Amino acid sequence: MGFESVCAPRVVARSFRRAAAKVASGLPSERRLDFPASARLKRRADYQRVYKLGVRVTGRHVVLFFLQSRERVGRFGVTASRRIGGAVVRNRAKRRLRELYRLRPRDGAGPSCDIVANAKRSSATAPWAELEKDFMSCLKKGRRLTDGHLSGGPPAPRE
């Protein structure tokens, strides 16, 4: 009998119990919420269309652009320019904004709205509660402004 055959079953059993205990606790940080590729803006042309025809809402930590989508499912995209910092800071800001949207996608501007979030410098370092409050208020303003705004029409008013 080799070492692998003796130790492998115990390791699997231990990791399975640990995973089962995590699932059973049901804490929000441990629940799996998906953010599938179909819910993301990926192409540059999609971003440009939202910028050109969409509604802009400016907050303290983020600028959001809204545009009614032609598809049934709304999509979300995040940008962070070099002005807000180096690669580590930009990625942290993008991760935080993506997580805010992922946790509350239904609080957004509706199921068929494309949203682009531009991170400001403070979005990487702001306290989570403050960033969440700012993000949610921008989403609510965007929902009000995009009601009735069609994707093929002229640019909507900017706030």
Protein backbone atom coordinates (compact mmCIF):
# COMPACT_ATOMS: atom_id res chain seq x y z
CA MET A 1 0.00 0.00 0.00
CA GLY A 2 1.31 3.39 -1.00
CA PHE A 3 1.20 6.62 0.93
CA GLU A 4 -1.39 8.16 -1.43
CA SER A 5 -3.93 5.38 -0.99
CA VAL A 6 -3.78 5.62 2.81
CA CYS A 7 -3.99 9.41 3.21
CA ALA A 8 -6.25 10.44 0.33
CA PRO A 9 -9.61 9.27 1.78
CA ARG A 10 -9.08 11.15 5.04
CA VAL A 11 -8.22 14.40 3.26
CA VAL A 12 -11.30 14.17 1.06
CA ALA A 13 -13.55 13.40 4.02
CA ARG A 14 -12.17 16.32 6.04
CA SER A 15 -12.55 18.83 3.20
CA PHE A 16 -16.06 17.56 2.45
CA ARG A 17 -17.12 18.07 6.08
CA ARG A 18 -15.64 21.57 6.09
CA ALA A 19 -17.50 22.47 2.89
CA ALA A 20 -20.76 21.04 4.24
CA ALA A 21 -20.38 23.08 7.44
CA LYS A 22 -19.87 26.28 5.44
CA VAL A 23 -22.96 25.66 3.33
CA ALA A 24 -25.01 24.85 6.41
CA SER A 25 -24.09 28.12 8.13
CA GLY A 26 -25.70 30.14 5.30
CA LEU A 27 -23.70 33.29 5.92
CA PRO A 28 -24.02 35.88 3.11
CA SER A 29 -20.29 35.83 2.36
CA GLU A 30 -20.41 32.07 1.85
CA ARG A 31 -23.48 31.92 -0.38
CA ARG A 32 -22.61 31.60 -4.05
CA LEU A 33 -24.10 34.38 -6.14
CA ASP A 34 -23.27 34.24 -9.80
CA PHE A 35 -22.28 37.03 -12.12
CA PRO A 36 -22.27 35.15 -15.44
CA ALA A 37 -20.54 36.31 -18.59
CA SER A 38 -23.92 37.02 -20.20
CA ALA A 39 -24.52 39.71 -17.56
CA ARG A 40 -21.31 41.62 -18.36
CA LEU A 41 -20.51 44.25 -20.93
CA LYS A 42 -17.40 43.08 -22.76
CA ARG A 43 -16.99 44.78 -26.12
CA ARG A 44 -15.69 48.33 -26.54
CA ALA A 45 -18.57 49.11 -28.92
CA ASP A 46 -21.08 48.28 -26.18
CA TYR A 47 -19.36 50.63 -23.74
CA GLN A 48 -19.21 53.40 -26.36
CA ARG A 49 -22.93 53.00 -27.15
CA VAL A 50 -23.83 53.35 -23.45
CA TYR A 51 -21.60 56.43 -23.13
CA LYS A 52 -22.98 58.08 -26.25
CA LEU A 53 -26.72 57.39 -25.88
CA GLY A 54 -27.09 56.77 -22.16
CA VAL A 55 -27.93 58.76 -19.08
CA ARG A 56 -25.11 59.81 -16.74
CA VAL A 57 -25.50 59.92 -12.97
CA THR A 58 -22.60 61.23 -10.90
CA GLY A 59 -22.01 60.21 -7.30
CA ARG A 60 -19.27 60.87 -4.81
CA HIS A 61 -17.34 57.64 -5.53
CA VAL A 62 -18.70 56.50 -8.88
CA VAL A 63 -20.18 57.72 -12.17
CA LEU A 64 -22.86 55.47 -13.65
CA PHE A 65 -24.12 55.44 -17.25
CA PHE A 66 -27.51 53.82 -18.00
CA LEU A 67 -29.03 52.75 -21.30
CA GLN A 68 -32.14 50.67 -21.97
CA SER A 69 -30.92 47.45 -23.57
CA ARG A 70 -32.27 45.77 -26.66
CA GLU A 71 -31.88 42.37 -25.01
CA ARG A 72 -34.05 41.08 -22.20
CA VAL A 73 -31.13 40.84 -19.78
CA GLY A 74 -29.33 43.95 -18.58
CA ARG A 75 -25.55 43.93 -18.48
CA PHE A 76 -22.97 45.62 -16.27
CA GLY A 77 -19.47 46.87 -16.99
CA VAL A 78 -16.81 48.64 -14.93
CA THR A 79 -14.00 50.94 -16.01
CA ALA A 80 -11.16 52.53 -14.05
CA SER A 81 -8.71 54.90 -15.69
CA ARG A 82 -5.06 55.29 -14.80
CA ARG A 83 -5.88 58.57 -13.11
CA ILE A 84 -7.25 56.75 -10.07
CA GLY A 85 -3.98 54.91 -9.42
CA GLY A 86 -1.81 51.97 -10.35
CA ALA A 87 -2.98 48.53 -11.41
CA VAL A 88 -3.57 47.33 -7.84
CA VAL A 89 -5.77 50.32 -6.99
CA ARG A 90 -7.69 50.12 -10.28
CA ASN A 91 -8.38 46.42 -9.86
CA ARG A 92 -9.48 46.89 -6.24
CA ALA A 93 -11.92 49.62 -7.29
CA LYS A 94 -13.33 47.47 -10.10
CA ARG A 95 -13.71 44.43 -7.85
CA ARG A 96 -15.58 46.46 -5.23
CA LEU A 97 -18.00 47.93 -7.78
CA ARG A 98 -18.60 44.55 -9.40
CA GLU A 99 -19.35 43.05 -6.00
CA LEU A 100 -21.84 45.82 -5.19
CA TYR A 101 -23.72 45.12 -8.41
CA ARG A 102 -23.47 41.36 -8.00
CA LEU A 103 -25.00 41.47 -4.53
CA ARG A 104 -27.95 43.60 -5.63
CA PRO A 105 -28.59 43.26 -9.37
CA ARG A 106 -32.38 43.64 -9.00
CA ASP A 107 -32.01 47.03 -7.28
CA GLY A 108 -30.57 48.42 -10.50
CA ALA A 109 -32.28 50.29 -13.28
CA GLY A 110 -34.37 47.32 -14.31
CA PRO A 111 -33.76 43.97 -15.92
CA SER A 112 -33.11 45.32 -19.42
CA CYS A 113 -30.73 48.18 -18.70
CA ASP A 114 -27.02 48.26 -19.58
CA ILE A 115 -24.98 49.97 -16.87
CA VAL A 116 -21.37 51.18 -17.03
CA ALA A 117 -19.67 52.21 -13.78
CA ASN A 118 -16.68 54.53 -13.93
CA ALA A 119 -14.67 54.32 -10.72
CA LYS A 120 -13.43 57.50 -9.10
CA ARG A 121 -10.22 57.68 -7.10
CA SER A 122 -12.05 57.36 -3.77
CA SER A 123 -13.92 54.16 -4.75
CA ALA A 124 -10.90 52.00 -3.91
CA THR A 125 -10.44 53.35 -0.39
CA ALA A 126 -13.90 54.49 0.72
CA PRO A 127 -15.55 52.58 3.58
CA TRP A 128 -17.77 49.81 2.24
CA ALA A 129 -20.99 51.21 3.74
CA GLU A 130 -20.35 54.65 2.26
CA LEU A 131 -19.52 53.23 -1.17
CA GLU A 132 -22.62 51.04 -1.07
CA LYS A 133 -24.85 53.98 -0.12
CA ASP A 134 -23.46 56.12 -2.94
CA PHE A 135 -23.76 53.29 -5.48
CA MET A 136 -27.36 52.51 -4.52
CA SER A 137 -28.42 56.17 -4.66
CA CYS A 138 -26.91 56.46 -8.14
CA LEU A 139 -28.77 53.32 -9.23
CA LYS A 140 -32.07 54.76 -7.99
CA LYS A 141 -31.47 58.07 -9.77
CA GLY A 142 -30.57 56.20 -12.94
CA ARG A 143 -33.75 54.14 -12.74
CA ARG A 144 -35.85 57.30 -12.58
CA LEU A 145 -34.03 58.93 -15.49
CA THR A 146 -34.09 55.90 -17.79
CA ASP A 147 -37.82 55.21 -17.47
CA GLY A 148 -39.17 55.65 -20.99
CA HIS A 149 -35.75 56.39 -22.51
CA LEU A 150 -35.28 54.15 -25.55
CA SER A 151 -31.91 52.87 -26.73
CA GLY A 152 -32.30 54.10 -30.31
CA GLY A 153 -33.31 57.69 -29.54
CA PRO A 154 -31.33 60.85 -28.96
CA PRO A 155 -29.08 61.16 -25.92
CA ALA A 156 -30.98 61.57 -22.69
CA PRO A 157 -30.41 64.40 -20.22
CA ARG A 158 -27.40 64.09 -17.96
CA GLU A 159 -27.47 64.68 -14.26
